[in-house]
Amino acid sequence: MEATLTPAGEKVVFARSTEEDFEQRNWEVGVLGGDFGGATMFSIYGARYLNRGLAAELGYAEAIASSSSSQLIKAGLLMQPFPDWRVSPYFYLGTGIISVTVNATGARQENNDNQFSNVGIGVRGYISRKTIVRLEYGDYVLFSADANTDQNMSIKEWKLGLAVFF
């Protein structure tokens, strides 16, 4: 397309994203997939960078297993101590609501909406143009809504995905 000439006979020039654009990004959106306590998980997120090392994220995820499925709505903060590095570690702290649906027929349906908190650690890397790869490990604590058991549940998560920035 760059070889195409304009009506005036000049070559078309497209702006190219560089690693410097990556360092100065304000917004990011991405998709990730992985494992959520043995269930297959897919998630989408959007992030707004508050400064070069701190971003606020909102996300939605679905975890699908043979016995149940879960939907998560998440909000959190991503802290990146070395935002200038092409490949950089980060830390995540978040909270949200998880809604669990049991797939078994005849199972007693109860209120399966619980609040959770999660922490995560990961690494993200600038690939090229406006693309980022992200690998993350997280630990979720689901707060029990059942007064009889009063036990919180811990779920581990691994995910890998791609994002674009602007």
C-alpha atoms as a PDB file:
ATOM      1  CA  MET A   1       0.000   0.000   0.000  1.00  0.00           C
ATOM      2  CA  GLU A   2       2.937   2.301   0.613  1.00  0.00           C
ATOM      3  CA  ALA A   3       3.766   2.090  -3.109  1.00  0.00           C
ATOM      4  CA  THR A   4       0.372   3.626  -3.919  1.00  0.00           C
ATOM      5  CA  LEU A   5       0.543   7.178  -5.220  1.00  0.00           C
ATOM      6  CA  THR A   6      -1.741   9.972  -4.073  1.00  0.00           C
ATOM      7  CA  PRO A   7      -3.733  11.948  -6.688  1.00  0.00           C
ATOM      8  CA  ALA A   8      -0.872  14.475  -6.585  1.00  0.00           C
ATOM      9  CA  GLY A   9       1.609  11.723  -7.560  1.00  0.00           C
ATOM     10  CA  GLU A  10       3.333  11.427  -4.162  1.00  0.00           C
ATOM     11  CA  LYS A  11       3.944   8.193  -2.248  1.00  0.00           C
ATOM     12  CA  VAL A  12       1.707   7.410   0.710  1.00  0.00           C
ATOM     13  CA  VAL A  13       3.579   7.338   4.022  1.00  0.00           C
ATOM     14  CA  PHE A  14       2.168   5.389   6.977  1.00  0.00           C
ATOM     15  CA  ALA A  15       3.268   6.186  10.517  1.00  0.00           C
ATOM     16  CA  ARG A  16       4.987   3.262  12.215  1.00  0.00           C
ATOM     17  CA  SER A  17       4.664   2.487  15.912  1.00  0.00           C
ATOM     18  CA  THR A  18       7.946   2.191  17.755  1.00  0.00           C
ATOM     19  CA  GLU A  19       9.145   1.004  21.131  1.00  0.00           C
ATOM     20  CA  GLU A  20       8.989   4.632  22.267  1.00  0.00           C
ATOM     21  CA  ASP A  21       5.246   4.637  21.507  1.00  0.00           C
ATOM     22  CA  PHE A  22       4.982   1.524  23.702  1.00  0.00           C
ATOM     23  CA  GLU A  23       6.626   3.384  26.589  1.00  0.00           C
ATOM     24  CA  GLN A  24       4.235   6.346  26.178  1.00  0.00           C
ATOM     25  CA  ARG A  25       0.977   4.360  25.800  1.00  0.00           C
ATOM     26  CA  ASN A  26      -2.215   5.528  27.522  1.00  0.00           C
ATOM     27  CA  TRP A  27      -4.659   2.703  26.748  1.00  0.00           C
ATOM     28  CA  GLU A  28      -4.397  -1.041  26.289  1.00  0.00           C
ATOM     29  CA  VAL A  29      -6.946  -3.746  25.412  1.00  0.00           C
ATOM     30  CA  GLY A  30      -6.313  -7.460  25.268  1.00  0.00           C
ATOM     31  CA  VAL A  31      -7.499 -11.050  25.288  1.00  0.00           C
ATOM     32  CA  LEU A  32      -6.064 -13.863  27.381  1.00  0.00           C
ATOM     33  CA  GLY A  33      -6.658 -17.570  27.741  1.00  0.00           C
ATOM     34  CA  GLY A  34      -5.524 -20.122  30.255  1.00  0.00           C
ATOM     35  CA  ASP A  35      -6.407 -22.254  33.257  1.00  0.00           C
ATOM     36  CA  PHE A  36      -8.572 -21.171  36.205  1.00  0.00           C
ATOM     37  CA  GLY A  37      -8.507 -23.887  38.877  1.00  0.00           C
ATOM     38  CA  GLY A  38      -8.703 -26.629  36.243  1.00  0.00           C
ATOM     39  CA  ALA A  39     -11.266 -24.856  34.079  1.00  0.00           C
ATOM     40  CA  THR A  40     -10.522 -23.327  30.680  1.00  0.00           C
ATOM     41  CA  MET A  41     -10.574 -19.538  30.989  1.00  0.00           C
ATOM     42  CA  PHE A  42     -10.892 -16.775  28.410  1.00  0.00           C
ATOM     43  CA  SER A  43     -10.808 -13.112  29.364  1.00  0.00           C
ATOM     44  CA  ILE A  44     -10.825  -9.633  27.894  1.00  0.00           C
ATOM     45  CA  TYR A  45      -9.584  -6.479  29.573  1.00  0.00           C
ATOM     46  CA  GLY A  46      -9.042  -2.798  29.097  1.00  0.00           C
ATOM     47  CA  ALA A  47      -6.439  -0.719  30.911  1.00  0.00           C
ATOM     48  CA  ARG A  48      -5.892   2.998  31.351  1.00  0.00           C
ATOM     49  CA  TYR A  49      -2.385   4.033  32.327  1.00  0.00           C
ATOM     50  CA  LEU A  50      -2.454   6.527  35.182  1.00  0.00           C
ATOM     51  CA  ASN A  51       1.291   7.038  34.837  1.00  0.00           C
ATOM     52  CA  ARG A  52       4.094   5.065  33.167  1.00  0.00           C
ATOM     53  CA  GLY A  53       4.176   2.367  35.859  1.00  0.00           C
ATOM     54  CA  LEU A  54       0.575   2.163  37.077  1.00  0.00           C
ATOM     55  CA  ALA A  55      -2.574   1.136  35.199  1.00  0.00           C
ATOM     56  CA  ALA A  56      -6.208   0.695  36.211  1.00  0.00           C
ATOM     57  CA  GLU A  57      -7.812  -2.351  34.597  1.00  0.00           C
ATOM     58  CA  LEU A  58     -11.368  -3.567  34.033  1.00  0.00           C
ATOM     59  CA  GLY A  59     -12.022  -7.062  32.764  1.00  0.00           C
ATOM     60  CA  TYR A  60     -14.489  -9.830  32.091  1.00  0.00           C
ATOM     61  CA  ALA A  61     -13.664 -13.554  32.117  1.00  0.00           C
ATOM     62  CA  GLU A  62     -15.423 -16.859  31.577  1.00  0.00           C
ATOM     63  CA  ALA A  63     -14.154 -20.144  33.016  1.00  0.00           C
ATOM     64  CA  ILE A  64     -15.727 -23.316  31.637  1.00  0.00           C
ATOM     65  CA  ALA A  65     -15.374 -26.740  33.257  1.00  0.00           C
ATOM     66  CA  SER A  66     -17.337 -29.982  32.934  1.00  0.00           C
ATOM     67  CA  SER A  67     -19.253 -29.474  36.201  1.00  0.00           C
ATOM     68  CA  SER A  68     -19.651 -25.692  36.291  1.00  0.00           C
ATOM     69  CA  SER A  69     -19.011 -22.422  34.537  1.00  0.00           C
ATOM     70  CA  SER A  70     -18.049 -19.076  36.016  1.00  0.00           C
ATOM     71  CA  GLN A  71     -18.249 -15.458  34.941  1.00  0.00           C
ATOM     72  CA  LEU A  72     -15.941 -12.913  36.555  1.00  0.00           C
ATOM     73  CA  ILE A  73     -16.114  -9.129  36.488  1.00  0.00           C
ATOM     74  CA  LYS A  74     -12.801  -7.671  37.635  1.00  0.00           C
ATOM     75  CA  ALA A  75     -11.233  -4.346  38.552  1.00  0.00           C
ATOM     76  CA  GLY A  76      -7.658  -3.857  39.625  1.00  0.00           C
ATOM     77  CA  LEU A  77      -4.341  -2.078  39.558  1.00  0.00           C
ATOM     78  CA  LEU A  78      -1.319  -3.210  37.574  1.00  0.00           C
ATOM     79  CA  MET A  79       2.043  -1.997  38.877  1.00  0.00           C
ATOM     80  CA  GLN A  80       5.015  -2.194  36.511  1.00  0.00           C
ATOM     81  CA  PRO A  81       8.284  -1.265  38.277  1.00  0.00           C
ATOM     82  CA  PHE A  82      10.350  -1.098  35.053  1.00  0.00           C
ATOM     83  CA  PRO A  83       8.084   0.444  32.390  1.00  0.00           C
ATOM     84  CA  ASP A  84      11.043   1.264  30.094  1.00  0.00           C
ATOM     85  CA  TRP A  85      12.063  -2.369  29.652  1.00  0.00           C
ATOM     86  CA  ARG A  86      10.986  -4.129  26.458  1.00  0.00           C
ATOM     87  CA  VAL A  87      10.157  -7.219  28.579  1.00  0.00           C
ATOM     88  CA  SER A  88       9.065  -6.197  32.062  1.00  0.00           C
ATOM     89  CA  PRO A  89       7.661  -7.872  35.174  1.00  0.00           C
ATOM     90  CA  TYR A  90       4.482  -6.580  36.789  1.00  0.00           C
ATOM     91  CA  PHE A  91       2.310  -7.078  39.857  1.00  0.00           C
ATOM     92  CA  TYR A  92      -1.480  -7.088  39.940  1.00  0.00           C
ATOM     93  CA  LEU A  93      -3.952  -6.454  42.765  1.00  0.00           C
ATOM     94  CA  GLY A  94      -7.675  -6.739  42.082  1.00  0.00           C
ATOM     95  CA  THR A  95     -11.181  -7.487  43.231  1.00  0.00           C
ATOM     96  CA  GLY A  96     -14.502  -8.359  41.685  1.00  0.00           C
ATOM     97  CA  ILE A  97     -17.566 -10.573  41.554  1.00  0.00           C
ATOM     98  CA  ILE A  98     -17.696 -14.203  40.417  1.00  0.00           C
ATOM     99  CA  SER A  99     -20.929 -15.912  39.414  1.00  0.00           C
ATOM    100  CA  VAL A 100     -20.800 -19.732  39.353  1.00  0.00           C
ATOM    101  CA  THR A 101     -23.364 -21.846  37.497  1.00  0.00           C
ATOM    102  CA  VAL A 102     -23.482 -25.576  38.259  1.00  0.00           C
ATOM    103  CA  ASN A 103     -23.949 -27.654  35.096  1.00  0.00           C
ATOM    104  CA  ALA A 104     -25.377 -30.758  36.796  1.00  0.00           C
ATOM    105  CA  THR A 105     -29.062 -31.418  36.149  1.00  0.00           C
ATOM    106  CA  GLY A 106     -31.172 -31.596  39.271  1.00  0.00           C
ATOM    107  CA  ALA A 107     -28.519 -29.838  41.341  1.00  0.00           C
ATOM    108  CA  ARG A 108     -29.796 -27.460  43.980  1.00  0.00           C
ATOM    109  CA  GLN A 109     -29.205 -23.911  42.790  1.00  0.00           C
ATOM    110  CA  GLU A 110     -28.118 -21.490  45.470  1.00  0.00           C
ATOM    111  CA  ASN A 111     -26.738 -17.984  45.434  1.00  0.00           C
ATOM    112  CA  ASN A 112     -23.364 -18.637  43.827  1.00  0.00           C
ATOM    113  CA  ASP A 113     -22.328 -15.010  43.461  1.00  0.00           C
ATOM    114  CA  ASN A 114     -19.280 -14.214  45.567  1.00  0.00           C
ATOM    115  CA  GLN A 115     -16.820 -11.397  45.921  1.00  0.00           C
ATOM    116  CA  PHE A 116     -13.157 -12.183  45.356  1.00  0.00           C
ATOM    117  CA  SER A 117      -9.755 -10.595  45.702  1.00  0.00           C
ATOM    118  CA  ASN A 118      -6.780 -11.566  43.636  1.00  0.00           C
ATOM    119  CA  VAL A 119      -3.081 -10.952  43.347  1.00  0.00           C
ATOM    120  CA  GLY A 120      -0.926 -11.743  40.380  1.00  0.00           C
ATOM    121  CA  ILE A 121       2.554 -11.566  39.021  1.00  0.00           C
ATOM    122  CA  GLY A 122       3.479 -11.607  35.391  1.00  0.00           C
ATOM    123  CA  VAL A 123       5.650 -10.476  32.576  1.00  0.00           C
ATOM    124  CA  ARG A 124       4.682  -8.453  29.533  1.00  0.00           C
ATOM    125  CA  GLY A 125       6.699  -7.752  26.456  1.00  0.00           C
ATOM    126  CA  TYR A 126       6.560  -5.434  23.497  1.00  0.00           C
ATOM    127  CA  ILE A 127       6.489  -7.560  20.326  1.00  0.00           C
ATOM    128  CA  SER A 128       6.191  -5.085  17.456  1.00  0.00           C
ATOM    129  CA  ARG A 129       4.129  -2.180  16.214  1.00  0.00           C
ATOM    130  CA  LYS A 130       1.244  -1.958  18.699  1.00  0.00           C
ATOM    131  CA  THR A 131       1.317  -5.526  20.044  1.00  0.00           C
ATOM    132  CA  ILE A 132       2.104  -6.769  23.554  1.00  0.00           C
ATOM    133  CA  VAL A 133       2.333 -10.341  24.852  1.00  0.00           C
ATOM    134  CA  ARG A 134       1.366 -10.997  28.464  1.00  0.00           C
ATOM    135  CA  LEU A 135       1.947 -14.050  30.719  1.00  0.00           C
ATOM    136  CA  GLU A 136       0.404 -14.020  34.210  1.00  0.00           C
ATOM    137  CA  TYR A 137       0.016 -16.220  37.288  1.00  0.00           C
ATOM    138  CA  GLY A 138      -2.704 -15.273  39.779  1.00  0.00           C
ATOM    139  CA  ASP A 139      -4.170 -16.404  43.075  1.00  0.00           C
ATOM    140  CA  TYR A 140      -7.843 -15.713  43.822  1.00  0.00           C
ATOM    141  CA  VAL A 141      -9.554 -15.819  47.204  1.00  0.00           C
ATOM    142  CA  LEU A 142     -13.329 -16.263  46.910  1.00  0.00           C
ATOM    143  CA  PHE A 143     -15.096 -14.961  50.000  1.00  0.00           C
ATOM    144  CA  SER A 144     -17.752 -17.382  51.179  1.00  0.00           C
ATOM    145  CA  ALA A 145     -21.343 -16.150  51.219  1.00  0.00           C
ATOM    146  CA  ASP A 146     -22.445 -19.282  53.112  1.00  0.00           C
ATOM    147  CA  ALA A 147     -22.739 -18.550  56.841  1.00  0.00           C
ATOM    148  CA  ASN A 148     -22.747 -22.301  57.606  1.00  0.00           C
ATOM    149  CA  THR A 149     -19.295 -23.074  56.175  1.00  0.00           C
ATOM    150  CA  ASP A 150     -17.596 -19.687  56.567  1.00  0.00           C
ATOM    151  CA  GLN A 151     -14.692 -20.961  54.456  1.00  0.00           C
ATOM    152  CA  ASN A 152     -12.985 -18.984  51.767  1.00  0.00           C
ATOM    153  CA  MET A 153     -11.742 -20.755  48.646  1.00  0.00           C
ATOM    154  CA  SER A 154      -8.413 -20.259  46.886  1.00  0.00           C
ATOM    155  CA  ILE A 155      -8.116 -20.713  43.098  1.00  0.00           C
ATOM    156  CA  LYS A 156      -4.907 -20.544  41.050  1.00  0.00           C
ATOM    157  CA  GLU A 157      -4.838 -19.130  37.528  1.00  0.00           C
ATOM    158  CA  TRP A 158      -2.392 -19.167  34.589  1.00  0.00           C
ATOM    159  CA  LYS A 159      -3.039 -17.180  31.444  1.00  0.00           C
ATOM    160  CA  LEU A 160      -1.320 -16.006  28.280  1.00  0.00           C
ATOM    161  CA  GLY A 161      -2.544 -13.425  25.808  1.00  0.00           C
ATOM    162  CA  LEU A 162      -2.047 -10.579  23.391  1.00  0.00           C
ATOM    163  CA  ALA A 163      -2.931  -6.920  23.683  1.00  0.00           C
ATOM    164  CA  VAL A 164      -2.774  -3.797  21.587  1.00  0.00           C
ATOM    165  CA  PHE A 165      -1.999  -0.327  22.873  1.00  0.00           C
ATOM    166  CA  PHE A 166      -2.819   3.208  21.782  1.00  0.00           C
END
